[in-house]
Amino acid sequence: MDGQIDPSEMLRVFGEASSKKDGGAGAPVSEPLAPPNAPGEPPSSEAALSAEIKALRAALVAKDELLAAKDRHIEDMSLSLRLLAAPISQPQPPSQARKRNQTFWQRIFGKTEKTQ
């Protein structure tokens, strides 16, 4: 906030200062740390593993959806086969057809029409 750099942040980014071993003036030597997964560098093993886990989870979800679709298709086919195998309704015998042609009172009193 005030333009000052926090020493803990300096240590986190650049590491601890060390002196030169060749008798120099004791200037600190540090190597800047590269950010993780910088462009041009291979991804870290942790990032690669997490990406693989995400891909495997996505594949598992896709497989579950395919299995559910297959089960629904099998159920639909089973229903279709049951409907095809159901007995076909037979036409009604002539006696029932004749009863339909009779009036209400003829059916109650049992009288049938006489053919001439």
C-alpha atoms as a PDB file:
ATOM      1  CA  MET A   1       0.000   0.000   0.000  1.00  0.00           C
ATOM      2  CA  ASP A   2       2.776   2.438   0.907  1.00  0.00           C
ATOM      3  CA  GLY A   3       5.120   1.334  -1.896  1.00  0.00           C
ATOM      4  CA  GLN A   4       7.186  -0.902   0.375  1.00  0.00           C
ATOM      5  CA  ILE A   5       7.755  -4.579  -0.433  1.00  0.00           C
ATOM      6  CA  ASP A   6       7.043  -7.032   2.336  1.00  0.00           C
ATOM      7  CA  PRO A   7      10.173  -9.087   3.155  1.00  0.00           C
ATOM      8  CA  SER A   8       8.143 -12.287   3.431  1.00  0.00           C
ATOM      9  CA  GLU A   9       6.954 -11.801  -0.154  1.00  0.00           C
ATOM     10  CA  MET A  10      10.541 -11.242  -1.283  1.00  0.00           C
ATOM     11  CA  LEU A  11      11.549 -14.525   0.363  1.00  0.00           C
ATOM     12  CA  ARG A  12       8.592 -16.333  -1.173  1.00  0.00           C
ATOM     13  CA  VAL A  13       9.394 -15.130  -4.699  1.00  0.00           C
ATOM     14  CA  PHE A  14      13.194 -15.049  -4.745  1.00  0.00           C
ATOM     15  CA  GLY A  15      14.208 -17.404  -1.949  1.00  0.00           C
ATOM     16  CA  GLU A  16      16.813 -16.741   0.725  1.00  0.00           C
ATOM     17  CA  ALA A  17      19.844 -14.640  -0.098  1.00  0.00           C
ATOM     18  CA  SER A  18      23.215 -16.389  -0.240  1.00  0.00           C
ATOM     19  CA  SER A  19      26.743 -15.048  -0.608  1.00  0.00           C
ATOM     20  CA  LYS A  20      29.165 -15.904  -3.403  1.00  0.00           C
ATOM     21  CA  LYS A  21      31.703 -18.563  -2.472  1.00  0.00           C
ATOM     22  CA  ASP A  22      34.462 -17.118  -4.633  1.00  0.00           C
ATOM     23  CA  GLY A  23      35.279 -14.343  -2.135  1.00  0.00           C
ATOM     24  CA  GLY A  24      33.071 -11.691  -3.658  1.00  0.00           C
ATOM     25  CA  ALA A  25      31.557  -8.731  -1.901  1.00  0.00           C
ATOM     26  CA  GLY A  26      28.857 -10.892  -0.385  1.00  0.00           C
ATOM     27  CA  ALA A  27      26.184  -9.862  -2.849  1.00  0.00           C
ATOM     28  CA  PRO A  28      23.098 -11.997  -2.568  1.00  0.00           C
ATOM     29  CA  VAL A  29      22.648 -14.499  -5.322  1.00  0.00           C
ATOM     30  CA  SER A  30      19.211 -15.807  -5.955  1.00  0.00           C
ATOM     31  CA  GLU A  31      17.439 -17.377  -8.862  1.00  0.00           C
ATOM     32  CA  PRO A  32      13.947 -16.172  -9.601  1.00  0.00           C
ATOM     33  CA  LEU A  33      11.374 -18.929  -9.442  1.00  0.00           C
ATOM     34  CA  ALA A  34       9.441 -19.586 -12.628  1.00  0.00           C
ATOM     35  CA  PRO A  35       5.685 -19.546 -12.287  1.00  0.00           C
ATOM     36  CA  PRO A  36       4.135 -23.005 -12.431  1.00  0.00           C
ATOM     37  CA  ASN A  37       3.199 -24.184 -15.926  1.00  0.00           C
ATOM     38  CA  ALA A  38       4.952 -21.324 -17.677  1.00  0.00           C
ATOM     39  CA  PRO A  39       4.602 -21.346 -21.467  1.00  0.00           C
ATOM     40  CA  GLY A  40       7.071 -23.665 -23.125  1.00  0.00           C
ATOM     41  CA  GLU A  41       7.547 -25.829 -20.047  1.00  0.00           C
ATOM     42  CA  PRO A  42       5.969 -29.221 -19.556  1.00  0.00           C
ATOM     43  CA  PRO A  43       3.124 -29.207 -17.035  1.00  0.00           C
ATOM     44  CA  SER A  44       3.926 -30.325 -13.548  1.00  0.00           C
ATOM     45  CA  SER A  45       3.032 -33.867 -12.608  1.00  0.00           C
ATOM     46  CA  GLU A  46       0.346 -32.690 -10.196  1.00  0.00           C
ATOM     47  CA  ALA A  47      -1.368 -30.607 -12.864  1.00  0.00           C
ATOM     48  CA  ALA A  48      -1.106 -33.474 -15.362  1.00  0.00           C
ATOM     49  CA  LEU A  49      -2.645 -35.894 -12.881  1.00  0.00           C
ATOM     50  CA  SER A  50      -5.504 -33.553 -12.034  1.00  0.00           C
ATOM     51  CA  ALA A  51      -6.183 -33.031 -15.756  1.00  0.00           C
ATOM     52  CA  GLU A  52      -6.192 -36.797 -16.284  1.00  0.00           C
ATOM     53  CA  ILE A  53      -8.599 -37.246 -13.366  1.00  0.00           C
ATOM     54  CA  LYS A  54     -10.961 -34.658 -14.868  1.00  0.00           C
ATOM     55  CA  ALA A  55     -10.804 -36.385 -18.243  1.00  0.00           C
ATOM     56  CA  LEU A  56     -11.484 -39.789 -16.684  1.00  0.00           C
ATOM     57  CA  ARG A  57     -14.437 -38.413 -14.713  1.00  0.00           C
ATOM     58  CA  ALA A  58     -15.874 -36.914 -17.899  1.00  0.00           C
ATOM     59  CA  ALA A  59     -15.436 -40.256 -19.673  1.00  0.00           C
ATOM     60  CA  LEU A  60     -17.154 -42.027 -16.778  1.00  0.00           C
ATOM     61  CA  VAL A  61     -20.127 -39.651 -16.946  1.00  0.00           C
ATOM     62  CA  ALA A  62     -20.372 -40.191 -20.713  1.00  0.00           C
ATOM     63  CA  LYS A  63     -20.255 -43.972 -20.213  1.00  0.00           C
ATOM     64  CA  ASP A  64     -23.029 -43.791 -17.596  1.00  0.00           C
ATOM     65  CA  GLU A  65     -25.195 -41.755 -19.974  1.00  0.00           C
ATOM     66  CA  LEU A  66     -24.653 -44.284 -22.748  1.00  0.00           C
ATOM     67  CA  LEU A  67     -25.566 -47.160 -20.431  1.00  0.00           C
ATOM     68  CA  ALA A  68     -28.740 -45.375 -19.329  1.00  0.00           C
ATOM     69  CA  ALA A  69     -29.695 -44.750 -22.963  1.00  0.00           C
ATOM     70  CA  LYS A  70     -29.036 -48.413 -23.777  1.00  0.00           C
ATOM     71  CA  ASP A  71     -31.230 -49.538 -20.866  1.00  0.00           C
ATOM     72  CA  ARG A  72     -34.069 -47.251 -22.018  1.00  0.00           C
ATOM     73  CA  HIS A  73     -33.750 -48.643 -25.547  1.00  0.00           C
ATOM     74  CA  ILE A  74     -33.882 -52.225 -24.262  1.00  0.00           C
ATOM     75  CA  GLU A  75     -37.015 -51.433 -22.233  1.00  0.00           C
ATOM     76  CA  ASP A  76     -38.663 -49.860 -25.288  1.00  0.00           C
ATOM     77  CA  MET A  77     -37.814 -52.896 -27.412  1.00  0.00           C
ATOM     78  CA  SER A  78     -39.126 -55.279 -24.759  1.00  0.00           C
ATOM     79  CA  LEU A  79     -42.408 -53.377 -24.629  1.00  0.00           C
ATOM     80  CA  SER A  80     -42.654 -53.456 -28.418  1.00  0.00           C
ATOM     81  CA  LEU A  81     -42.080 -57.216 -28.480  1.00  0.00           C
ATOM     82  CA  ARG A  82     -44.712 -57.771 -25.798  1.00  0.00           C
ATOM     83  CA  LEU A  83     -47.204 -55.709 -27.778  1.00  0.00           C
ATOM     84  CA  LEU A  84     -46.414 -57.618 -30.965  1.00  0.00           C
ATOM     85  CA  ALA A  85     -46.762 -60.977 -29.223  1.00  0.00           C
ATOM     86  CA  ALA A  86     -50.112 -60.059 -27.593  1.00  0.00           C
ATOM     87  CA  PRO A  87     -53.033 -62.057 -28.954  1.00  0.00           C
ATOM     88  CA  ILE A  88     -54.974 -60.340 -31.688  1.00  0.00           C
ATOM     89  CA  SER A  89     -58.535 -59.658 -30.674  1.00  0.00           C
ATOM     90  CA  GLN A  90     -60.875 -61.985 -32.551  1.00  0.00           C
ATOM     91  CA  PRO A  91     -63.983 -60.652 -34.247  1.00  0.00           C
ATOM     92  CA  GLN A  92     -67.055 -61.126 -32.112  1.00  0.00           C
ATOM     93  CA  PRO A  93     -69.219 -64.126 -32.805  1.00  0.00           C
ATOM     94  CA  PRO A  94     -72.413 -63.514 -34.774  1.00  0.00           C
ATOM     95  CA  SER A  95     -74.607 -63.899 -31.670  1.00  0.00           C
ATOM     96  CA  GLN A  96     -72.990 -60.866 -30.039  1.00  0.00           C
ATOM     97  CA  ALA A  97     -73.225 -58.916 -33.276  1.00  0.00           C
ATOM     98  CA  ARG A  98     -76.935 -59.735 -33.455  1.00  0.00           C
ATOM     99  CA  LYS A  99     -77.423 -58.476 -29.904  1.00  0.00           C
ATOM    100  CA  ARG A 100     -76.021 -55.123 -30.930  1.00  0.00           C
ATOM    101  CA  ASN A 101     -78.676 -54.801 -33.624  1.00  0.00           C
ATOM    102  CA  GLN A 102     -81.470 -55.477 -31.133  1.00  0.00           C
ATOM    103  CA  THR A 103     -83.187 -52.707 -29.298  1.00  0.00           C
ATOM    104  CA  PHE A 104     -82.957 -52.298 -25.571  1.00  0.00           C
ATOM    105  CA  TRP A 105     -86.375 -53.889 -24.995  1.00  0.00           C
ATOM    106  CA  GLN A 106     -85.612 -56.816 -27.259  1.00  0.00           C
ATOM    107  CA  ARG A 107     -82.499 -57.573 -25.270  1.00  0.00           C
ATOM    108  CA  ILE A 108     -84.336 -57.356 -21.946  1.00  0.00           C
ATOM    109  CA  PHE A 109     -87.274 -59.567 -22.930  1.00  0.00           C
ATOM    110  CA  GLY A 110     -85.219 -61.927 -25.049  1.00  0.00           C
ATOM    111  CA  LYS A 111     -87.182 -61.470 -28.210  1.00  0.00           C
ATOM    112  CA  THR A 112     -85.348 -61.678 -31.423  1.00  0.00           C
ATOM    113  CA  GLU A 113     -86.347 -60.403 -34.809  1.00  0.00           C
ATOM    114  CA  LYS A 114     -87.870 -62.992 -37.053  1.00  0.00           C
ATOM    115  CA  THR A 115     -86.537 -63.251 -40.506  1.00  0.00           C
ATOM    116  CA  GLN A 116     -89.040 -63.884 -43.273  1.00  0.00           C
END
